[in-house]
C-alpha atoms as a PDB file:
ATOM      1  CA  MET A   1     102.639 101.607 130.575  1.00  0.00           C
ATOM      2  CA  GLU A   2     106.288 100.685 129.916  1.00  0.00           C
ATOM      3  CA  ARG A   3     107.578 102.154 126.673  1.00  0.00           C
ATOM      4  CA  GLY A   4     110.588  99.903 126.202  1.00  0.00           C
ATOM      5  CA  THR A   5     114.227 100.017 127.230  1.00  0.00           C
ATOM      6  CA  ILE A   6     116.608 102.969 126.964  1.00  0.00           C
ATOM      7  CA  LEU A   7     120.337 102.394 127.403  1.00  0.00           C
ATOM      8  CA  ILE A   8     122.103 105.302 129.141  1.00  0.00           C
ATOM      9  CA  VAL A   9     125.842 105.348 128.471  1.00  0.00           C
ATOM     10  CA  ASP A  10     127.740 107.840 130.646  1.00  0.00           C
ATOM     11  CA  ASP A  11     130.678 107.471 133.005  1.00  0.00           C
ATOM     12  CA  GLU A  12     129.450 110.300 135.253  1.00  0.00           C
ATOM     13  CA  PRO A  13     127.087 108.603 137.739  1.00  0.00           C
ATOM     14  CA  ASN A  14     125.256 111.801 138.671  1.00  0.00           C
ATOM     15  CA  ILE A  15     124.330 112.457 135.030  1.00  0.00           C
ATOM     16  CA  ALA A  16     123.415 108.836 134.324  1.00  0.00           C
ATOM     17  CA  ASP A  17     121.257 108.712 137.465  1.00  0.00           C
ATOM     18  CA  LEU A  18     119.487 111.963 136.577  1.00  0.00           C
ATOM     19  CA  VAL A  19     118.717 110.797 133.030  1.00  0.00           C
ATOM     20  CA  GLU A  20     117.532 107.459 134.415  1.00  0.00           C
ATOM     21  CA  LEU A  21     115.183 109.201 136.860  1.00  0.00           C
ATOM     22  CA  TYR A  22     113.520 111.213 134.094  1.00  0.00           C
ATOM     23  CA  ALA A  23     113.346 108.224 131.754  1.00  0.00           C
ATOM     24  CA  ILE A  24     111.645 106.074 134.407  1.00  0.00           C
ATOM     25  CA  ARG A  25     109.161 108.879 135.061  1.00  0.00           C
ATOM     26  CA  GLU A  26     108.273 108.782 131.356  1.00  0.00           C
ATOM     27  CA  GLY A  27     107.599 105.052 131.540  1.00  0.00           C
ATOM     28  CA  TYR A  28     110.838 103.693 130.069  1.00  0.00           C
ATOM     29  CA  ARG A  29     112.783 100.735 131.387  1.00  0.00           C
ATOM     30  CA  THR A  30     116.437 101.721 131.773  1.00  0.00           C
ATOM     31  CA  ARG A  31     119.852 100.134 131.700  1.00  0.00           C
ATOM     32  CA  LYS A  32     123.151 101.930 132.300  1.00  0.00           C
ATOM     33  CA  ALA A  33     126.717 101.469 131.080  1.00  0.00           C
ATOM     34  CA  ALA A  34     129.834 103.478 131.941  1.00  0.00           C
ATOM     35  CA  THR A  35     132.211 102.354 129.178  1.00  0.00           C
ATOM     36  CA  GLY A  36     132.125 101.758 125.455  1.00  0.00           C
ATOM     37  CA  GLU A  37     132.663  98.007 125.841  1.00  0.00           C
ATOM     38  CA  ALA A  38     129.871  97.773 128.408  1.00  0.00           C
ATOM     39  CA  ALA A  39     127.595  99.756 126.089  1.00  0.00           C
ATOM     40  CA  LEU A  40     128.157  97.406 123.156  1.00  0.00           C
ATOM     41  CA  ALA A  41     127.548  94.382 125.369  1.00  0.00           C
ATOM     42  CA  ALA A  42     124.375  95.957 126.793  1.00  0.00           C
ATOM     43  CA  VAL A  43     122.965  96.682 123.330  1.00  0.00           C
ATOM     44  CA  GLU A  44     123.546  93.054 122.352  1.00  0.00           C
ATOM     45  CA  ARG A  45     122.055  91.741 125.593  1.00  0.00           C
ATOM     46  CA  GLU A  46     119.166  94.146 126.236  1.00  0.00           C
ATOM     47  CA  ARG A  47     118.093  95.110 122.691  1.00  0.00           C
ATOM     48  CA  PRO A  48     117.067  98.640 123.771  1.00  0.00           C
ATOM     49  CA  ARG A  49     114.798 100.875 121.705  1.00  0.00           C
ATOM     50  CA  LEU A  50     117.238 103.808 121.935  1.00  0.00           C
ATOM     51  CA  VAL A  51     120.725 104.660 123.211  1.00  0.00           C
ATOM     52  CA  ILE A  52     121.625 107.896 124.990  1.00  0.00           C
ATOM     53  CA  LEU A  53     125.373 107.984 124.419  1.00  0.00           C
ATOM     54  CA  ASP A  54     127.993 110.208 126.026  1.00  0.00           C
ATOM     55  CA  VAL A  55     130.837 111.093 123.660  1.00  0.00           C
ATOM     56  CA  GLY A  56     133.506 111.150 126.400  1.00  0.00           C
ATOM     57  CA  LEU A  57     133.995 107.626 127.772  1.00  0.00           C
ATOM     58  CA  PRO A  58     137.016 106.174 129.625  1.00  0.00           C
ATOM     59  CA  ASP A  59     137.939 103.373 127.209  1.00  0.00           C
ATOM     60  CA  PHE A  60     136.959 104.558 123.708  1.00  0.00           C
ATOM     61  CA  ASP A  61     134.702 107.445 122.871  1.00  0.00           C
ATOM     62  CA  GLY A  62     131.038 107.493 121.976  1.00  0.00           C
ATOM     63  CA  LEU A  63     131.812 108.184 118.332  1.00  0.00           C
ATOM     64  CA  GLU A  64     133.558 104.811 118.135  1.00  0.00           C
ATOM     65  CA  VAL A  65     130.636 103.146 119.932  1.00  0.00           C
ATOM     66  CA  CYS A  66     128.306 104.686 117.368  1.00  0.00           C
ATOM     67  CA  ARG A  67     130.514 103.539 114.489  1.00  0.00           C
ATOM     68  CA  ARG A  68     130.512  99.956 115.757  1.00  0.00           C
ATOM     69  CA  LEU A  69     126.760  99.928 116.362  1.00  0.00           C
ATOM     70  CA  ARG A  70     126.063 101.327 112.909  1.00  0.00           C
ATOM     71  CA  ALA A  71     127.991  98.438 111.359  1.00  0.00           C
ATOM     72  CA  THR A  72     125.172  96.081 112.332  1.00  0.00           C
ATOM     73  CA  SER A  73     122.241  98.122 113.648  1.00  0.00           C
ATOM     74  CA  GLN A  74     120.061 101.167 112.983  1.00  0.00           C
ATOM     75  CA  ILE A  75     119.147 101.613 116.650  1.00  0.00           C
ATOM     76  CA  PRO A  76     118.356 105.295 117.370  1.00  0.00           C
ATOM     77  CA  ILE A  77     121.232 107.143 119.066  1.00  0.00           C
ATOM     78  CA  ILE A  78     121.218 110.506 120.850  1.00  0.00           C
ATOM     79  CA  PHE A  79     124.653 111.886 121.708  1.00  0.00           C
ATOM     80  CA  LEU A  80     125.457 113.752 124.921  1.00  0.00           C
ATOM     81  CA  THR A  81     128.681 115.692 124.939  1.00  0.00           C
ATOM     82  CA  ALA A  82     130.618 118.414 126.697  1.00  0.00           C
ATOM     83  CA  ARG A  83     132.182 119.352 123.354  1.00  0.00           C
ATOM     84  CA  ASP A  84     130.390 122.078 121.438  1.00  0.00           C
ATOM     85  CA  SER A  85     132.554 122.406 118.364  1.00  0.00           C
ATOM     86  CA  GLU A  86     131.178 122.156 114.839  1.00  0.00           C
ATOM     87  CA  VAL A  87     133.660 119.394 114.083  1.00  0.00           C
ATOM     88  CA  ASP A  88     132.209 117.182 116.815  1.00  0.00           C
ATOM     89  CA  ARG A  89     128.650 117.839 115.664  1.00  0.00           C
ATOM     90  CA  VAL A  90     129.519 116.948 112.080  1.00  0.00           C
ATOM     91  CA  LEU A  91     131.374 113.787 113.114  1.00  0.00           C
ATOM     92  CA  GLY A  92     128.439 112.619 115.179  1.00  0.00           C
ATOM     93  CA  LEU A  93     125.934 113.221 112.410  1.00  0.00           C
ATOM     94  CA  GLU A  94     128.097 111.581 109.750  1.00  0.00           C
ATOM     95  CA  MET A  95     128.192 108.432 111.837  1.00  0.00           C
ATOM     96  CA  GLY A  96     124.428 108.246 111.914  1.00  0.00           C
ATOM     97  CA  ALA A  97     123.442 109.841 115.227  1.00  0.00           C
ATOM     98  CA  ASP A  98     119.767 110.795 115.329  1.00  0.00           C
ATOM     99  CA  ASP A  99     120.241 113.809 117.595  1.00  0.00           C
ATOM    100  CA  TYR A 100     122.876 115.664 119.594  1.00  0.00           C
ATOM    101  CA  LEU A 101     122.634 117.466 122.940  1.00  0.00           C
ATOM    102  CA  THR A 102     125.398 119.491 124.590  1.00  0.00           C
ATOM    103  CA  LYS A 103     126.085 119.430 128.334  1.00  0.00           C
ATOM    104  CA  PRO A 104     124.800 121.004 130.484  1.00  0.00           C
ATOM    105  CA  PHE A 105     121.358 120.049 129.225  1.00  0.00           C
ATOM    106  CA  SER A 106     117.772 119.987 130.447  1.00  0.00           C
ATOM    107  CA  PRO A 107     116.642 116.431 131.254  1.00  0.00           C
ATOM    108  CA  ALA A 108     113.122 117.417 130.223  1.00  0.00           C
ATOM    109  CA  GLU A 109     114.412 118.534 126.807  1.00  0.00           C
ATOM    110  CA  LEU A 110     116.343 115.276 126.472  1.00  0.00           C
ATOM    111  CA  MET A 111     113.157 113.291 127.135  1.00  0.00           C
ATOM    112  CA  ALA A 112     111.312 115.402 124.558  1.00  0.00           C
ATOM    113  CA  ARG A 113     113.982 114.508 122.006  1.00  0.00           C
ATOM    114  CA  VAL A 114     113.838 110.829 122.970  1.00  0.00           C
ATOM    115  CA  LYS A 115     110.085 110.775 122.382  1.00  0.00           C
ATOM    116  CA  ALA A 116     110.417 112.675 119.099  1.00  0.00           C
ATOM    117  CA  VAL A 117     113.042 110.238 117.770  1.00  0.00           C
ATOM    118  CA  LEU A 118     110.990 107.201 118.789  1.00  0.00           C
ATOM    119  CA  ARG A 119     107.829 108.646 117.230  1.00  0.00           C
ATOM    120  CA  ARG A 120     109.679 108.973 113.944  1.00  0.00           C
ATOM    121  CA  VAL A 121     111.062 105.440 114.199  1.00  0.00           C
ATOM    122  CA  ASP A 122     107.621 104.011 115.005  1.00  0.00           C
ATOM    123  CA  GLY A 123     106.086 105.895 112.095  1.00  0.00           C
ATOM    124  CA  GLN A 124     108.730 104.609 109.739  1.00  0.00           C
ATOM    125  CA  SER A 125     108.038 101.033 110.846  1.00  0.00           C
ATOM    126  CA  GLY A 126     104.452 101.483 109.767  1.00  0.00           C
ATOM    127  CA  GLU A 127     105.498 102.895 106.418  1.00  0.00           C
ATOM    128  CA  ALA A 128     107.875  99.991 105.855  1.00  0.00           C
ATOM    129  CA  ALA A 129     104.930  97.620 105.701  1.00  0.00           C
ATOM    130  CA  GLN A 130     103.788  99.338 102.520  1.00  0.00           C
ATOM    131  CA  ALA A 131     105.444  98.000  99.391  1.00  0.00           C
ATOM    132  CA  GLU A 132     106.854 101.032  97.667  1.00  0.00           C
ATOM    133  CA  VAL A 133     109.747 101.496  95.283  1.00  0.00           C
ATOM    134  CA  VAL A 134     110.943 104.912  94.093  1.00  0.00           C
ATOM    135  CA  ALA A 135     113.336 104.948  91.148  1.00  0.00           C
ATOM    136  CA  VAL A 136     115.170 107.962  89.716  1.00  0.00           C
ATOM    137  CA  ALA A 137     117.841 107.326  87.076  1.00  0.00           C
ATOM    138  CA  ASP A 138     120.191 104.665  88.505  1.00  0.00           C
ATOM    139  CA  LEU A 139     118.942 105.125  92.065  1.00  0.00           C
ATOM    140  CA  VAL A 140     116.241 102.871  93.556  1.00  0.00           C
ATOM    141  CA  VAL A 141     114.787 103.381  97.042  1.00  0.00           C
ATOM    142  CA  ASP A 142     112.867 100.312  98.207  1.00  0.00           C
ATOM    143  CA  ILE A 143     110.681 101.125 101.222  1.00  0.00           C
ATOM    144  CA  ALA A 144     109.479  97.575 101.896  1.00  0.00           C
ATOM    145  CA  ARG A 145     113.056  96.277 102.028  1.00  0.00           C
ATOM    146  CA  ARG A 146     114.491  99.474 103.592  1.00  0.00           C
ATOM    147  CA  GLU A 147     117.130  99.290 100.896  1.00  0.00           C
ATOM    148  CA  VAL A 148     118.859 101.694  98.532  1.00  0.00           C
ATOM    149  CA  ARG A 149     120.241 100.308  95.290  1.00  0.00           C
ATOM    150  CA  VAL A 150     122.771 102.238  93.236  1.00  0.00           C
ATOM    151  CA  ARG A 151     123.190 100.941  89.687  1.00  0.00           C
ATOM    152  CA  GLY A 152     121.613  97.685  90.819  1.00  0.00           C
ATOM    153  CA  SER A 153     123.794  97.134  93.896  1.00  0.00           C
ATOM    154  CA  ALA A 154     122.566  97.565  97.469  1.00  0.00           C
ATOM    155  CA  VAL A 155     124.414 100.304  99.394  1.00  0.00           C
ATOM    156  CA  ALA A 156     124.352 100.687 103.190  1.00  0.00           C
ATOM    157  CA  PHE A 157     122.579 103.839 104.368  1.00  0.00           C
ATOM    158  CA  THR A 158     121.973 105.025 107.925  1.00  0.00           C
ATOM    159  CA  THR A 159     118.354 105.475 108.972  1.00  0.00           C
ATOM    160  CA  LYS A 160     118.373 109.230 108.430  1.00  0.00           C
ATOM    161  CA  GLU A 161     120.254 108.983 105.120  1.00  0.00           C
ATOM    162  CA  PHE A 162     117.648 106.505 103.895  1.00  0.00           C
ATOM    163  CA  GLU A 163     114.757 108.746 104.932  1.00  0.00           C
ATOM    164  CA  LEU A 164     116.329 111.830 103.382  1.00  0.00           C
ATOM    165  CA  VAL A 165     117.138 110.240 100.034  1.00  0.00           C
ATOM    166  CA  HIS A 166     113.642 108.740  99.946  1.00  0.00           C
ATOM    167  CA  PHE A 167     112.082 112.140 100.688  1.00  0.00           C
ATOM    168  CA  LEU A 168     114.070 113.766  97.875  1.00  0.00           C
ATOM    169  CA  ALA A 169     113.502 110.898  95.425  1.00  0.00           C
ATOM    170  CA  GLN A 170     109.750 111.246  95.887  1.00  0.00           C
ATOM    171  CA  ARG A 171     110.042 114.856  94.709  1.00  0.00           C
ATOM    172  CA  PRO A 172     112.473 114.829  91.753  1.00  0.00           C
ATOM    173  CA  GLY A 173     113.085 118.230  90.218  1.00  0.00           C
ATOM    174  CA  ARG A 174     111.662 120.131  93.194  1.00  0.00           C
ATOM    175  CA  ALA A 175     113.874 122.545  95.130  1.00  0.00           C
ATOM    176  CA  MET A 176     113.457 121.777  98.825  1.00  0.00           C
ATOM    177  CA  SER A 177     114.561 124.187 101.531  1.00  0.00           C
ATOM    178  CA  ARG A 178     116.552 122.935 104.497  1.00  0.00           C
ATOM    179  CA  GLN A 179     113.551 123.637 106.710  1.00  0.00           C
ATOM    180  CA  GLN A 180     111.276 121.576 104.458  1.00  0.00           C
ATOM    181  CA  LEU A 181     113.768 118.724 104.634  1.00  0.00           C
ATOM    182  CA  LEU A 182     114.055 119.021 108.415  1.00  0.00           C
ATOM    183  CA  ASP A 183     110.269 119.052 108.813  1.00  0.00           C
ATOM    184  CA  GLY A 184     109.751 116.177 106.382  1.00  0.00           C
ATOM    185  CA  VAL A 185     112.515 113.889 107.609  1.00  0.00           C
ATOM    186  CA  TRP A 186     113.359 114.893 111.195  1.00  0.00           C
ATOM    187  CA  GLY A 187     109.853 116.093 112.104  1.00  0.00           C
ATOM    188  CA  TYR A 188     108.351 119.395 113.170  1.00  0.00           C
ATOM    189  CA  ASP A 189     109.302 118.829 116.806  1.00  0.00           C
ATOM    190  CA  TRP A 190     112.970 118.124 116.093  1.00  0.00           C
ATOM    191  CA  TYR A 191     115.506 120.153 118.062  1.00  0.00           C
ATOM    192  CA  GLY A 192     118.981 120.527 116.662  1.00  0.00           C
ATOM    193  CA  ASP A 193     121.426 122.065 114.227  1.00  0.00           C
ATOM    194  CA  PRO A 194     120.031 122.747 110.718  1.00  0.00           C
ATOM    195  CA  ARG A 195     123.505 121.882 109.433  1.00  0.00           C
ATOM    196  CA  THR A 196     122.541 118.245 109.887  1.00  0.00           C
ATOM    197  CA  VAL A 197     120.855 118.457 106.459  1.00  0.00           C
ATOM    198  CA  ASP A 198     124.116 119.492 104.778  1.00  0.00           C
ATOM    199  CA  VAL A 199     126.048 116.719 106.531  1.00  0.00           C
ATOM    200  CA  HIS A 200     123.576 114.045 105.492  1.00  0.00           C
ATOM    201  CA  VAL A 201     123.379 115.283 101.892  1.00  0.00           C
ATOM    202  CA  ALA A 202     127.182 115.149 101.694  1.00  0.00           C
ATOM    203  CA  GLN A 203     127.174 111.546 102.896  1.00  0.00           C
ATOM    204  CA  ILE A 204     124.401 110.568 100.481  1.00  0.00           C
ATOM    205  CA  ARG A 205     126.271 112.110  97.543  1.00  0.00           C
ATOM    206  CA  LYS A 206     129.303 109.974  98.353  1.00  0.00           C
ATOM    207  CA  LYS A 207     127.240 106.809  98.520  1.00  0.00           C
ATOM    208  CA  ILE A 208     125.185 107.311  95.355  1.00  0.00           C
ATOM    209  CA  ASP A 209     128.388 108.104  93.448  1.00  0.00           C
ATOM    210  CA  GLY A 210     126.781 110.151  90.676  1.00  0.00           C
ATOM    211  CA  ALA A 211     123.947 107.689  89.991  1.00  0.00           C
ATOM    212  CA  VAL A 212     121.671 110.713  90.298  1.00  0.00           C
ATOM    213  CA  GLU A 213     122.533 114.336  91.049  1.00  0.00           C
ATOM    214  CA  ILE A 214     121.541 116.114  94.236  1.00  0.00           C
ATOM    215  CA  ALA A 215     122.011 119.739  93.247  1.00  0.00           C
ATOM    216  CA  THR A 216     122.619 122.583  95.683  1.00  0.00           C
ATOM    217  CA  VAL A 217     120.078 125.347  95.114  1.00  0.00           C
ATOM    218  CA  ARG A 218     121.798 128.519  96.298  1.00  0.00           C
ATOM    219  CA  GLY A 219     119.866 130.342  98.972  1.00  0.00           C
ATOM    220  CA  VAL A 220     117.257 127.580  99.173  1.00  0.00           C
ATOM    221  CA  GLY A 221     118.488 124.037  99.794  1.00  0.00           C
ATOM    222  CA  TYR A 222     118.687 120.966  97.572  1.00  0.00           C
ATOM    223  CA  ARG A 223     117.056 119.353  94.551  1.00  0.00           C
ATOM    224  CA  LEU A 224     117.296 115.759  93.383  1.00  0.00           C
ATOM    225  CA  GLU A 225     117.459 115.982  89.588  1.00  0.00           C
ATOM    226  CA  HIS A 226     115.334 113.976  87.183  1.00  0.00           C
ATOM    227  CA  GLY A 227     117.141 111.066  85.565  1.00  0.00           C
ATOM    228  CA  ARG A 228     119.478 111.928  82.764  1.00  0.00           C
END
């Protein structure tokens, strides 16, 4: 049974063809693009369920593609990159990437990550049907509307930022370890850098602008404080 469309964005044909082969085996419909411009056009035209996005592209890089997509869409994105520096990982996560895989990679592992990301997205769609509002101090997380309001004004959050702030807001005053946050938000089968939690918390802190405090609990993780 076809599982939907995956857009593969990579200017190396051998890699794009290999990823396509594995994706088709898993039941996905595939489309390919070799440039950033072609990728943006393909997302608009094909409406894929997920984008596998190479960071190194010939016109502008995958980080810029991600930035432009995130301006209008929460489509899941998995980065592929030959760069393995912490700076690149942090940049990708700050822009709202759902996962990050360094070349050379196992196509089977990539497909496992694709399925894990889509399972989370599908589960969240089911949750969104339930009317639920969580309010702590001047922060309101509205599940039905998929909206975060800070002091009454809606603020744009990426998918993962939304899920993380919702997870914390449901547990005010509780110290949560990074592993608990990874398991609760990214899922038990998530593969990746635990530092993603720190990156997302930093972005959330900027966006909530002191409406509520997310405290660092040394040696443990984070705690969203009760309202003042």
